[in-house]
Amino acid sequence: MRDLKRNLVIGTRSSKLALWQAEHIRDTLQKHYPDLKIDLLKITTKGDKILDVPLAKIGGKGLFTKEIENALLSKEVDLAVHSLKDMPTDLPEGLEISAISKREEPYDALISPKFKTLDNLPHGAKVGTSSLRRKAQILKARSDLVTVDLRGNLDSRLRKLETENLDAIILASSGLKRLGWQEHITEILSPEVCLPAVGQGALAIESRKNDTEVLEIIKVLNDESSFIETTAERSFLAEVEGSCQVPVGVYAKLTPDKKELVLKAIILSPDGNEFVQTEVRGLPNEKKQLGIKAAHELLNSGGKEILKKIGLFCNN
């Protein structure tokens, strides 16, 4: 590796989880390049400022990335670390996802100290979540439940379980595990109950396309299997979503021999009463085509009508 003429600066949000993620990437890089000096720059995003409005009502995707991407474009930072599920499918001109680190378990976790599992929740129980996807799938499984909007960082959402008298909350298991808070999890929701968000559990490393020096350095961060799986998922979302946040779940997984890629996806109405789902299979090098195939299957089998009913079909 050539000597950098400058320090490497990583842009990150300032939440506990975001800092853990950025520090994890920094530490991984420094194991490979012990002489490289790496600093973190904390950046506040729109999503960090607006905590009293559901994500879907303030734009959803891009809320946690735009300000950091602006810092990349202005060269205040050299790379950014994001939760991949927070990233829009369309990136600003000149930027790219250059690496996907090894994916943590992507499933959703139920936290219910009293009732423990989804099946055990009583009729009319209040379940907190900020995600349209989670709400729709939980109501599909249990239409008698009441979903409550839940915003904030992981620690504040855990506190709201008690302060807002909720019977359960749903969070990504990956974030809880990264912070060492897995003891709060009372049930991991299977993908048959709740398919994860696109890229859930994966960290995305975003950089400038023309910064060859940084691109060379961060190659060591990329996990090929995670890159293949999440590329298929993002391809699906790009085809379905347009510029909107939509109630969809999708999960792609390579078979143990890594010779086949299996993608499961679902589109739902917000109340979970209407849904279409599919499973498609293909070769790993067909990852983008596989995501597009699944999207077309769902849109053509009723998904387009579901999204149009709720005003969320944004493709032209």
C-alpha atoms as a PDB file:
ATOM      1  CA  MET A   1       0.000   0.000   0.000  1.00  0.00           C
ATOM      2  CA  ARG A   2       1.214   3.490  -0.825  1.00  0.00           C
ATOM      3  CA  ASP A   3       1.576   5.938   2.049  1.00  0.00           C
ATOM      4  CA  LEU A   4      -1.449   8.178   2.354  1.00  0.00           C
ATOM      5  CA  LYS A   5      -0.549  11.838   2.238  1.00  0.00           C
ATOM      6  CA  ARG A   6      -3.406  12.496   4.639  1.00  0.00           C
ATOM      7  CA  ASN A   7      -5.229  10.775   7.481  1.00  0.00           C
ATOM      8  CA  LEU A   8      -8.191   8.601   6.613  1.00  0.00           C
ATOM      9  CA  VAL A   9     -11.434  10.094   7.935  1.00  0.00           C
ATOM     10  CA  ILE A  10     -14.582   8.022   8.393  1.00  0.00           C
ATOM     11  CA  GLY A  11     -17.946   9.774   8.429  1.00  0.00           C
ATOM     12  CA  THR A  12     -20.549   8.344  10.810  1.00  0.00           C
ATOM     13  CA  ARG A  13     -23.672   9.181  12.747  1.00  0.00           C
ATOM     14  CA  SER A  14     -23.140   9.652  16.479  1.00  0.00           C
ATOM     15  CA  SER A  15     -25.539   7.061  17.918  1.00  0.00           C
ATOM     16  CA  LYS A  16     -24.071   4.232  19.977  1.00  0.00           C
ATOM     17  CA  LEU A  17     -24.749   1.730  17.230  1.00  0.00           C
ATOM     18  CA  ALA A  18     -23.388   3.934  14.431  1.00  0.00           C
ATOM     19  CA  LEU A  19     -20.207   4.570  16.429  1.00  0.00           C
ATOM     20  CA  TRP A  20     -19.792   0.857  17.132  1.00  0.00           C
ATOM     21  CA  GLN A  21     -20.083   0.203  13.407  1.00  0.00           C
ATOM     22  CA  ALA A  22     -17.599   2.915  12.421  1.00  0.00           C
ATOM     23  CA  GLU A  23     -15.146   1.819  15.121  1.00  0.00           C
ATOM     24  CA  HIS A  24     -15.463  -1.795  13.966  1.00  0.00           C
ATOM     25  CA  ILE A  25     -14.547  -0.783  10.422  1.00  0.00           C
ATOM     26  CA  ARG A  26     -11.710   1.437  11.668  1.00  0.00           C
ATOM     27  CA  ASP A  27     -10.295  -1.390  13.813  1.00  0.00           C
ATOM     28  CA  THR A  28     -10.554  -3.877  10.931  1.00  0.00           C
ATOM     29  CA  LEU A  29      -8.661  -1.515   8.640  1.00  0.00           C
ATOM     30  CA  GLN A  30      -5.975  -0.888  11.233  1.00  0.00           C
ATOM     31  CA  LYS A  31      -5.356  -4.628  11.617  1.00  0.00           C
ATOM     32  CA  HIS A  32      -4.461  -4.675   7.927  1.00  0.00           C
ATOM     33  CA  TYR A  33      -2.745  -1.264   7.876  1.00  0.00           C
ATOM     34  CA  PRO A  34      -1.294  -0.653  11.381  1.00  0.00           C
ATOM     35  CA  ASP A  35       0.513   2.534  10.322  1.00  0.00           C
ATOM     36  CA  LEU A  36      -2.606   4.161   8.914  1.00  0.00           C
ATOM     37  CA  LYS A  37      -4.088   6.926  11.089  1.00  0.00           C
ATOM     38  CA  ILE A  38      -7.877   6.863  11.025  1.00  0.00           C
ATOM     39  CA  ASP A  39     -10.184   9.450  12.556  1.00  0.00           C
ATOM     40  CA  LEU A  40     -13.962   9.464  12.948  1.00  0.00           C
ATOM     41  CA  LEU A  41     -16.098  12.496  12.115  1.00  0.00           C
ATOM     42  CA  LYS A  42     -19.538  12.462  13.751  1.00  0.00           C
ATOM     43  CA  ILE A  43     -22.279  13.920  11.562  1.00  0.00           C
ATOM     44  CA  THR A  44     -25.888  14.626  12.525  1.00  0.00           C
ATOM     45  CA  THR A  45     -28.460  13.630   9.901  1.00  0.00           C
ATOM     46  CA  LYS A  46     -32.045  14.705   9.337  1.00  0.00           C
ATOM     47  CA  GLY A  47     -33.222  11.367  10.695  1.00  0.00           C
ATOM     48  CA  ASP A  48     -31.359  12.040  13.940  1.00  0.00           C
ATOM     49  CA  LYS A  49     -33.090  15.399  14.396  1.00  0.00           C
ATOM     50  CA  ILE A  50     -36.707  14.448  13.665  1.00  0.00           C
ATOM     51  CA  LEU A  51     -37.711  11.845  16.235  1.00  0.00           C
ATOM     52  CA  ASP A  52     -41.429  12.483  16.688  1.00  0.00           C
ATOM     53  CA  VAL A  53     -42.651  11.634  13.170  1.00  0.00           C
ATOM     54  CA  PRO A  54     -42.884   8.163  11.537  1.00  0.00           C
ATOM     55  CA  LEU A  55     -40.114   7.553   9.012  1.00  0.00           C
ATOM     56  CA  ALA A  56     -42.554   6.992   6.152  1.00  0.00           C
ATOM     57  CA  LYS A  57     -44.022  10.473   6.627  1.00  0.00           C
ATOM     58  CA  ILE A  58     -40.700  12.302   6.356  1.00  0.00           C
ATOM     59  CA  GLY A  59     -39.195  10.516   3.407  1.00  0.00           C
ATOM     60  CA  GLY A  60     -37.866   7.237   4.757  1.00  0.00           C
ATOM     61  CA  LYS A  61     -34.725   6.324   2.806  1.00  0.00           C
ATOM     62  CA  GLY A  62     -31.892   8.839   2.807  1.00  0.00           C
ATOM     63  CA  LEU A  63     -32.814  10.355   6.156  1.00  0.00           C
ATOM     64  CA  PHE A  64     -29.707   8.879   7.768  1.00  0.00           C
ATOM     65  CA  THR A  65     -27.258   9.254   4.897  1.00  0.00           C
ATOM     66  CA  LYS A  66     -27.612  12.556   3.006  1.00  0.00           C
ATOM     67  CA  GLU A  67     -25.515  14.770   5.278  1.00  0.00           C
ATOM     68  CA  ILE A  68     -22.777  12.146   5.449  1.00  0.00           C
ATOM     69  CA  GLU A  69     -22.798  11.815   1.666  1.00  0.00           C
ATOM     70  CA  ASN A  70     -22.469  15.591   1.360  1.00  0.00           C
ATOM     71  CA  ALA A  71     -19.356  15.352   3.540  1.00  0.00           C
ATOM     72  CA  LEU A  72     -17.987  12.672   1.200  1.00  0.00           C
ATOM     73  CA  LEU A  73     -18.618  14.810  -1.854  1.00  0.00           C
ATOM     74  CA  SER A  74     -16.974  17.846  -0.245  1.00  0.00           C
ATOM     75  CA  LYS A  75     -14.007  15.650   0.807  1.00  0.00           C
ATOM     76  CA  GLU A  76     -14.477  16.294   4.523  1.00  0.00           C
ATOM     77  CA  VAL A  77     -14.457  12.515   4.918  1.00  0.00           C
ATOM     78  CA  ASP A  78     -12.846   9.745   2.856  1.00  0.00           C
ATOM     79  CA  LEU A  79     -15.401   7.030   3.442  1.00  0.00           C
ATOM     80  CA  ALA A  80     -18.680   6.544   5.255  1.00  0.00           C
ATOM     81  CA  VAL A  81     -20.016   3.619   7.260  1.00  0.00           C
ATOM     82  CA  HIS A  82     -23.770   3.062   7.065  1.00  0.00           C
ATOM     83  CA  SER A  83     -26.276   0.425   8.042  1.00  0.00           C
ATOM     84  CA  LEU A  84     -27.025  -0.813   4.543  1.00  0.00           C
ATOM     85  CA  LYS A  85     -30.764  -0.920   5.241  1.00  0.00           C
ATOM     86  CA  ASP A  86     -30.712   2.877   5.701  1.00  0.00           C
ATOM     87  CA  MET A  87     -29.263   3.525   2.244  1.00  0.00           C
ATOM     88  CA  PRO A  88     -31.368   4.593  -0.742  1.00  0.00           C
ATOM     89  CA  THR A  89     -31.041   2.496  -3.886  1.00  0.00           C
ATOM     90  CA  ASP A  90     -30.053   5.635  -5.841  1.00  0.00           C
ATOM     91  CA  LEU A  91     -26.785   7.161  -4.678  1.00  0.00           C
ATOM     92  CA  PRO A  92     -25.495  10.677  -5.411  1.00  0.00           C
ATOM     93  CA  GLU A  93     -23.438  11.076  -8.589  1.00  0.00           C
ATOM     94  CA  GLY A  94     -19.796  10.270  -7.883  1.00  0.00           C
ATOM     95  CA  LEU A  95     -20.417   7.969  -4.903  1.00  0.00           C
ATOM     96  CA  GLU A  96     -20.633   4.188  -4.669  1.00  0.00           C
ATOM     97  CA  ILE A  97     -20.963   1.348  -2.207  1.00  0.00           C
ATOM     98  CA  SER A  98     -17.408   0.049  -2.388  1.00  0.00           C
ATOM     99  CA  ALA A  99     -17.606  -2.768   0.144  1.00  0.00           C
ATOM    100  CA  ILE A 100     -20.096  -4.743   2.236  1.00  0.00           C
ATOM    101  CA  SER A 101     -18.635  -6.204   5.414  1.00  0.00           C
ATOM    102  CA  LYS A 102     -19.633  -9.681   6.620  1.00  0.00           C
ATOM    103  CA  ARG A 103     -23.322  -9.624   7.396  1.00  0.00           C
ATOM    104  CA  GLU A 104     -24.619 -10.168  10.916  1.00  0.00           C
ATOM    105  CA  GLU A 105     -27.822 -12.179  11.411  1.00  0.00           C
ATOM    106  CA  PRO A 106     -30.468 -10.167   9.499  1.00  0.00           C
ATOM    107  CA  TYR A 107     -33.607 -11.178  11.374  1.00  0.00           C
ATOM    108  CA  ASP A 108     -35.923  -9.065  13.512  1.00  0.00           C
ATOM    109  CA  ALA A 109     -36.088  -9.531  17.261  1.00  0.00           C
ATOM    110  CA  LEU A 110     -39.122  -9.325  19.535  1.00  0.00           C
ATOM    111  CA  ILE A 111     -38.513  -7.897  22.977  1.00  0.00           C
ATOM    112  CA  SER A 112     -41.296  -8.631  25.449  1.00  0.00           C
ATOM    113  CA  PRO A 113     -40.139  -9.177  29.037  1.00  0.00           C
ATOM    114  CA  LYS A 114     -43.608 -10.269  30.147  1.00  0.00           C
ATOM    115  CA  PHE A 115     -44.981 -12.291  27.218  1.00  0.00           C
ATOM    116  CA  LYS A 116     -41.736 -13.456  25.522  1.00  0.00           C
ATOM    117  CA  THR A 117     -43.116 -14.434  22.094  1.00  0.00           C
ATOM    118  CA  LEU A 118     -45.376 -13.084  19.362  1.00  0.00           C
ATOM    119  CA  ASP A 119     -47.817 -15.952  19.841  1.00  0.00           C
ATOM    120  CA  ASN A 120     -48.073 -15.280  23.575  1.00  0.00           C
ATOM    121  CA  LEU A 121     -48.974 -11.593  23.242  1.00  0.00           C
ATOM    122  CA  PRO A 122     -52.552 -11.036  24.452  1.00  0.00           C
ATOM    123  CA  HIS A 123     -55.346  -9.767  22.205  1.00  0.00           C
ATOM    124  CA  GLY A 124     -54.904  -6.021  21.616  1.00  0.00           C
ATOM    125  CA  ALA A 125     -51.312  -5.945  22.847  1.00  0.00           C
ATOM    126  CA  LYS A 126     -49.335  -2.827  21.890  1.00  0.00           C
ATOM    127  CA  VAL A 127     -46.232  -3.444  19.775  1.00  0.00           C
ATOM    128  CA  GLY A 128     -43.772  -0.619  19.067  1.00  0.00           C
ATOM    129  CA  THR A 129     -41.937  -0.324  15.748  1.00  0.00           C
ATOM    130  CA  SER A 130     -40.901   2.471  13.386  1.00  0.00           C
ATOM    131  CA  SER A 131     -41.030   0.277  10.280  1.00  0.00           C
ATOM    132  CA  LEU A 132     -43.890  -0.056   7.786  1.00  0.00           C
ATOM    133  CA  ARG A 133     -42.446  -3.447   6.840  1.00  0.00           C
ATOM    134  CA  ARG A 134     -42.504  -4.756  10.405  1.00  0.00           C
ATOM    135  CA  LYS A 135     -45.971  -3.363  11.122  1.00  0.00           C
ATOM    136  CA  ALA A 136     -47.483  -4.966   8.042  1.00  0.00           C
ATOM    137  CA  GLN A 137     -45.916  -8.370   8.656  1.00  0.00           C
ATOM    138  CA  ILE A 138     -46.774  -8.399  12.358  1.00  0.00           C
ATOM    139  CA  LEU A 139     -50.393  -7.530  11.548  1.00  0.00           C
ATOM    140  CA  LYS A 140     -50.396 -10.238   8.865  1.00  0.00           C
ATOM    141  CA  ALA A 141     -49.462 -12.737  11.569  1.00  0.00           C
ATOM    142  CA  ARG A 142     -51.582 -11.193  14.347  1.00  0.00           C
ATOM    143  CA  SER A 143     -54.302  -8.826  13.071  1.00  0.00           C
ATOM    144  CA  ASP A 144     -55.546  -8.294  16.642  1.00  0.00           C
ATOM    145  CA  LEU A 145     -52.393  -6.466  17.728  1.00  0.00           C
ATOM    146  CA  VAL A 146     -52.005  -2.674  17.885  1.00  0.00           C
ATOM    147  CA  THR A 147     -48.835  -1.200  16.397  1.00  0.00           C
ATOM    148  CA  VAL A 148     -47.365   1.992  17.855  1.00  0.00           C
ATOM    149  CA  ASP A 149     -44.796   4.257  16.152  1.00  0.00           C
ATOM    150  CA  LEU A 150     -41.438   3.976  17.859  1.00  0.00           C
ATOM    151  CA  ARG A 151     -38.540   6.262  16.889  1.00  0.00           C
ATOM    152  CA  GLY A 152     -35.146   6.957  18.408  1.00  0.00           C
ATOM    153  CA  ASN A 153     -31.829   5.193  18.908  1.00  0.00           C
ATOM    154  CA  LEU A 154     -31.725   1.614  20.172  1.00  0.00           C
ATOM    155  CA  ASP A 155     -31.261   2.575  23.809  1.00  0.00           C
ATOM    156  CA  SER A 156     -34.117   5.095  23.766  1.00  0.00           C
ATOM    157  CA  ARG A 157     -36.421   2.582  22.065  1.00  0.00           C
ATOM    158  CA  LEU A 158     -35.610   0.010  24.723  1.00  0.00           C
ATOM    159  CA  ARG A 159     -36.521   2.561  27.414  1.00  0.00           C
ATOM    160  CA  LYS A 160     -39.828   3.324  25.673  1.00  0.00           C
ATOM    161  CA  LEU A 161     -40.867  -0.293  26.152  1.00  0.00           C
ATOM    162  CA  GLU A 162     -41.515   0.692  29.774  1.00  0.00           C
ATOM    163  CA  THR A 163     -42.142   4.435  29.601  1.00  0.00           C
ATOM    164  CA  GLU A 164     -44.839   4.100  26.933  1.00  0.00           C
ATOM    165  CA  ASN A 165     -46.412   0.961  28.450  1.00  0.00           C
ATOM    166  CA  LEU A 166     -45.769  -1.207  25.415  1.00  0.00           C
ATOM    167  CA  ASP A 167     -46.203  -4.972  25.549  1.00  0.00           C
ATOM    168  CA  ALA A 168     -43.418  -5.567  23.027  1.00  0.00           C
ATOM    169  CA  ILE A 169     -41.088  -3.815  20.625  1.00  0.00           C
ATOM    170  CA  ILE A 170     -39.398  -5.086  17.474  1.00  0.00           C
ATOM    171  CA  LEU A 171     -35.806  -4.218  16.594  1.00  0.00           C
ATOM    172  CA  ALA A 172     -33.129  -5.604  14.303  1.00  0.00           C
ATOM    173  CA  SER A 173     -31.310  -8.399  16.127  1.00  0.00           C
ATOM    174  CA  SER A 174     -28.000  -7.364  14.523  1.00  0.00           C
ATOM    175  CA  GLY A 175     -27.895  -3.988  16.264  1.00  0.00           C
ATOM    176  CA  LEU A 176     -28.702  -5.489  19.651  1.00  0.00           C
ATOM    177  CA  LYS A 177     -25.987  -8.107  19.237  1.00  0.00           C
ATOM    178  CA  ARG A 178     -23.388  -5.578  18.132  1.00  0.00           C
ATOM    179  CA  LEU A 179     -23.958  -3.537  21.278  1.00  0.00           C
ATOM    180  CA  GLY A 180     -23.958  -6.620  23.497  1.00  0.00           C
ATOM    181  CA  TRP A 181     -27.640  -6.227  24.348  1.00  0.00           C
ATOM    182  CA  GLN A 182     -28.817  -9.607  23.081  1.00  0.00           C
ATOM    183  CA  GLU A 183     -30.082 -10.525  26.551  1.00  0.00           C
ATOM    184  CA  HIS A 184     -33.073  -8.267  25.852  1.00  0.00           C
ATOM    185  CA  ILE A 185     -34.191 -10.483  22.948  1.00  0.00           C
ATOM    186  CA  THR A 186     -37.054 -12.799  23.876  1.00  0.00           C
ATOM    187  CA  GLU A 187     -37.738 -14.175  20.373  1.00  0.00           C
ATOM    188  CA  ILE A 188     -36.040 -14.086  16.978  1.00  0.00           C
ATOM    189  CA  LEU A 189     -38.767 -13.721  14.364  1.00  0.00           C
ATOM    190  CA  SER A 190     -38.309 -16.259  11.587  1.00  0.00           C
ATOM    191  CA  PRO A 191     -38.343 -15.035   7.972  1.00  0.00           C
ATOM    192  CA  GLU A 192     -41.600 -16.980   7.561  1.00  0.00           C
ATOM    193  CA  VAL A 193     -43.140 -14.499  10.020  1.00  0.00           C
ATOM    194  CA  CYS A 194     -41.164 -11.356   9.207  1.00  0.00           C
ATOM    195  CA  LEU A 195     -38.826 -11.051   6.230  1.00  0.00           C
ATOM    196  CA  PRO A 196     -36.043  -8.556   6.968  1.00  0.00           C
ATOM    197  CA  ALA A 197     -35.395  -5.204   5.338  1.00  0.00           C
ATOM    198  CA  VAL A 198     -33.101  -4.944   2.338  1.00  0.00           C
ATOM    199  CA  GLY A 199     -29.526  -5.208   3.579  1.00  0.00           C
ATOM    200  CA  GLN A 200     -30.500  -5.619   7.225  1.00  0.00           C
ATOM    201  CA  GLY A 201     -27.517  -6.749   9.294  1.00  0.00           C
ATOM    202  CA  ALA A 202     -24.947  -5.565   6.725  1.00  0.00           C
ATOM    203  CA  LEU A 203     -22.623  -2.564   6.883  1.00  0.00           C
ATOM    204  CA  ALA A 204     -22.034  -0.546   3.724  1.00  0.00           C
ATOM    205  CA  ILE A 205     -18.787   1.288   3.056  1.00  0.00           C
ATOM    206  CA  GLU A 206     -19.482   4.264   0.788  1.00  0.00           C
ATOM    207  CA  SER A 207     -16.729   6.218  -0.961  1.00  0.00           C
ATOM    208  CA  ARG A 208     -15.986   8.431  -3.935  1.00  0.00           C
ATOM    209  CA  LYS A 209     -15.781   6.506  -7.212  1.00  0.00           C
ATOM    210  CA  ASN A 210     -12.601   8.253  -8.329  1.00  0.00           C
ATOM    211  CA  ASP A 211     -10.679   7.949  -5.053  1.00  0.00           C
ATOM    212  CA  THR A 212      -8.476   5.066  -6.167  1.00  0.00           C
ATOM    213  CA  GLU A 213      -6.269   5.230  -3.086  1.00  0.00           C
ATOM    214  CA  VAL A 214      -9.157   4.745  -0.666  1.00  0.00           C
ATOM    215  CA  LEU A 215     -10.826   2.169  -2.912  1.00  0.00           C
ATOM    216  CA  GLU A 216      -7.672   0.060  -2.816  1.00  0.00           C
ATOM    217  CA  ILE A 217      -7.460   0.275   0.975  1.00  0.00           C
ATOM    218  CA  ILE A 218     -11.055  -0.723   1.668  1.00  0.00           C
ATOM    219  CA  LYS A 219     -11.027  -3.815  -0.565  1.00  0.00           C
ATOM    220  CA  VAL A 220     -10.111  -5.833   2.539  1.00  0.00           C
ATOM    221  CA  LEU A 221     -13.480  -4.970   4.094  1.00  0.00           C
ATOM    222  CA  ASN A 222     -15.609  -6.641   1.436  1.00  0.00           C
ATOM    223  CA  ASP A 223     -17.292  -9.986   2.140  1.00  0.00           C
ATOM    224  CA  GLU A 224     -18.150 -11.525  -1.236  1.00  0.00           C
ATOM    225  CA  SER A 225     -21.142 -13.559  -0.034  1.00  0.00           C
ATOM    226  CA  SER A 226     -22.698 -10.597   1.758  1.00  0.00           C
ATOM    227  CA  PHE A 227     -22.066  -8.422  -1.306  1.00  0.00           C
ATOM    228  CA  ILE A 228     -23.840 -10.892  -3.601  1.00  0.00           C
ATOM    229  CA  GLU A 229     -26.829 -11.356  -1.295  1.00  0.00           C
ATOM    230  CA  THR A 230     -27.419  -7.682  -0.585  1.00  0.00           C
ATOM    231  CA  THR A 231     -26.907  -6.690  -4.221  1.00  0.00           C
ATOM    232  CA  ALA A 232     -29.813  -8.984  -5.142  1.00  0.00           C
ATOM    233  CA  GLU A 233     -31.951  -7.456  -2.401  1.00  0.00           C
ATOM    234  CA  ARG A 234     -31.175  -3.881  -3.446  1.00  0.00           C
ATOM    235  CA  SER A 235     -31.887  -4.748  -7.060  1.00  0.00           C
ATOM    236  CA  PHE A 236     -35.319  -5.990  -5.988  1.00  0.00           C
ATOM    237  CA  LEU A 237     -36.008  -2.834  -4.001  1.00  0.00           C
ATOM    238  CA  ALA A 238     -34.881  -0.493  -6.765  1.00  0.00           C
ATOM    239  CA  GLU A 239     -37.346  -2.133  -9.135  1.00  0.00           C
ATOM    240  CA  VAL A 240     -40.256  -2.008  -6.664  1.00  0.00           C
ATOM    241  CA  GLU A 241     -39.677   1.158  -4.729  1.00  0.00           C
ATOM    242  CA  GLY A 242     -38.775   4.065  -6.972  1.00  0.00           C
ATOM    243  CA  SER A 243     -38.171   6.914  -4.520  1.00  0.00           C
ATOM    244  CA  CYS A 244     -40.681   5.836  -1.889  1.00  0.00           C
ATOM    245  CA  GLN A 245     -40.568   3.856   1.325  1.00  0.00           C
ATOM    246  CA  VAL A 246     -42.765   0.799   0.830  1.00  0.00           C
ATOM    247  CA  PRO A 247     -43.900  -2.127   3.022  1.00  0.00           C
ATOM    248  CA  VAL A 248     -41.741  -4.889   1.561  1.00  0.00           C
ATOM    249  CA  GLY A 249     -39.519  -7.579   3.010  1.00  0.00           C
ATOM    250  CA  VAL A 250     -36.761  -9.385   1.121  1.00  0.00           C
ATOM    251  CA  TYR A 251     -33.993 -11.799   2.004  1.00  0.00           C
ATOM    252  CA  ALA A 252     -31.414 -13.358  -0.298  1.00  0.00           C
ATOM    253  CA  LYS A 253     -29.156 -16.168   0.871  1.00  0.00           C
ATOM    254  CA  LEU A 254     -26.504 -18.249  -0.851  1.00  0.00           C
ATOM    255  CA  THR A 255     -26.827 -22.001  -0.434  1.00  0.00           C
ATOM    256  CA  PRO A 256     -24.106 -23.627   1.724  1.00  0.00           C
ATOM    257  CA  ASP A 257     -22.135 -24.630  -1.387  1.00  0.00           C
ATOM    258  CA  LYS A 258     -22.490 -21.036  -2.703  1.00  0.00           C
ATOM    259  CA  LYS A 259     -23.606 -22.325  -6.089  1.00  0.00           C
ATOM    260  CA  GLU A 260     -27.158 -20.980  -5.886  1.00  0.00           C
ATOM    261  CA  LEU A 261     -28.783 -17.792  -4.628  1.00  0.00           C
ATOM    262  CA  VAL A 262     -32.268 -17.997  -3.086  1.00  0.00           C
ATOM    263  CA  LEU A 263     -34.335 -14.827  -2.716  1.00  0.00           C
ATOM    264  CA  LYS A 264     -37.618 -14.541  -0.824  1.00  0.00           C
ATOM    265  CA  ALA A 265     -39.714 -11.376  -1.006  1.00  0.00           C
ATOM    266  CA  ILE A 266     -43.098  -9.999   0.035  1.00  0.00           C
ATOM    267  CA  ILE A 267     -45.170  -6.874  -0.666  1.00  0.00           C
ATOM    268  CA  LEU A 268     -47.948  -6.061   1.803  1.00  0.00           C
ATOM    269  CA  SER A 269     -50.691  -3.595   2.516  1.00  0.00           C
ATOM    270  CA  PRO A 270     -50.043  -1.632   5.744  1.00  0.00           C
ATOM    271  CA  ASP A 271     -52.641  -3.659   7.638  1.00  0.00           C
ATOM    272  CA  GLY A 272     -51.190  -6.969   6.430  1.00  0.00           C
ATOM    273  CA  ASN A 273     -54.525  -8.084   4.977  1.00  0.00           C
ATOM    274  CA  GLU A 274     -53.267  -8.082   1.387  1.00  0.00           C
ATOM    275  CA  PHE A 275     -49.928  -9.495   0.352  1.00  0.00           C
ATOM    276  CA  VAL A 276     -48.074 -11.248  -2.437  1.00  0.00           C
ATOM    277  CA  GLN A 277     -44.896 -13.227  -1.916  1.00  0.00           C
ATOM    278  CA  THR A 278     -42.418 -15.209  -3.950  1.00  0.00           C
ATOM    279  CA  GLU A 279     -39.230 -17.258  -3.854  1.00  0.00           C
ATOM    280  CA  VAL A 280     -36.818 -17.247  -6.793  1.00  0.00           C
ATOM    281  CA  ARG A 281     -33.517 -19.016  -7.375  1.00  0.00           C
ATOM    282  CA  GLY A 282     -30.577 -18.347  -9.640  1.00  0.00           C
ATOM    283  CA  LEU A 283     -26.820 -18.300 -10.037  1.00  0.00           C
ATOM    284  CA  PRO A 284     -24.778 -15.953  -7.822  1.00  0.00           C
ATOM    285  CA  ASN A 285     -23.544 -14.002 -10.853  1.00  0.00           C
ATOM    286  CA  GLU A 286     -27.187 -13.353 -11.781  1.00  0.00           C
ATOM    287  CA  LYS A 287     -27.800 -11.498  -8.517  1.00  0.00           C
ATOM    288  CA  LYS A 288     -29.180  -8.294 -10.040  1.00  0.00           C
ATOM    289  CA  GLN A 289     -31.376 -10.120 -12.533  1.00  0.00           C
ATOM    290  CA  LEU A 290     -32.716 -12.303  -9.710  1.00  0.00           C
ATOM    291  CA  GLY A 291     -33.833  -9.272  -7.718  1.00  0.00           C
ATOM    292  CA  ILE A 292     -35.503  -7.770 -10.786  1.00  0.00           C
ATOM    293  CA  LYS A 293     -37.228 -11.086 -11.563  1.00  0.00           C
ATOM    294  CA  ALA A 294     -38.691 -11.295  -8.045  1.00  0.00           C
ATOM    295  CA  ALA A 295     -39.869  -7.683  -8.222  1.00  0.00           C
ATOM    296  CA  HIS A 296     -41.648  -8.227 -11.533  1.00  0.00           C
ATOM    297  CA  GLU A 297     -43.279 -11.412 -10.251  1.00  0.00           C
ATOM    298  CA  LEU A 298     -44.705  -9.606  -7.244  1.00  0.00           C
ATOM    299  CA  LEU A 299     -45.712  -6.418  -9.066  1.00  0.00           C
ATOM    300  CA  ASN A 300     -47.472  -8.410 -11.778  1.00  0.00           C
ATOM    301  CA  SER A 301     -49.254 -10.725  -9.346  1.00  0.00           C
ATOM    302  CA  GLY A 302     -50.976  -7.969  -7.354  1.00  0.00           C
ATOM    303  CA  GLY A 303     -48.147  -6.035  -5.750  1.00  0.00           C
ATOM    304  CA  LYS A 304     -48.588  -3.024  -8.021  1.00  0.00           C
ATOM    305  CA  GLU A 305     -52.257  -2.766  -7.029  1.00  0.00           C
ATOM    306  CA  ILE A 306     -51.423  -3.043  -3.323  1.00  0.00           C
ATOM    307  CA  LEU A 307     -48.894  -0.205  -3.572  1.00  0.00           C
ATOM    308  CA  LYS A 308     -51.146   1.977  -5.733  1.00  0.00           C
ATOM    309  CA  LYS A 309     -53.962   1.697  -3.182  1.00  0.00           C
ATOM    310  CA  ILE A 310     -51.750   3.261  -0.547  1.00  0.00           C
ATOM    311  CA  GLY A 311     -50.199   5.810  -2.911  1.00  0.00           C
ATOM    312  CA  LEU A 312     -46.734   4.309  -2.678  1.00  0.00           C
ATOM    313  CA  PHE A 313     -46.108   2.993  -6.195  1.00  0.00           C
ATOM    314  CA  CYS A 314     -43.546   5.452  -7.497  1.00  0.00           C
ATOM    315  CA  ASN A 315     -42.019   3.801 -10.553  1.00  0.00           C
ATOM    316  CA  ASN A 316     -42.916   5.434 -13.846  1.00  0.00           C
END
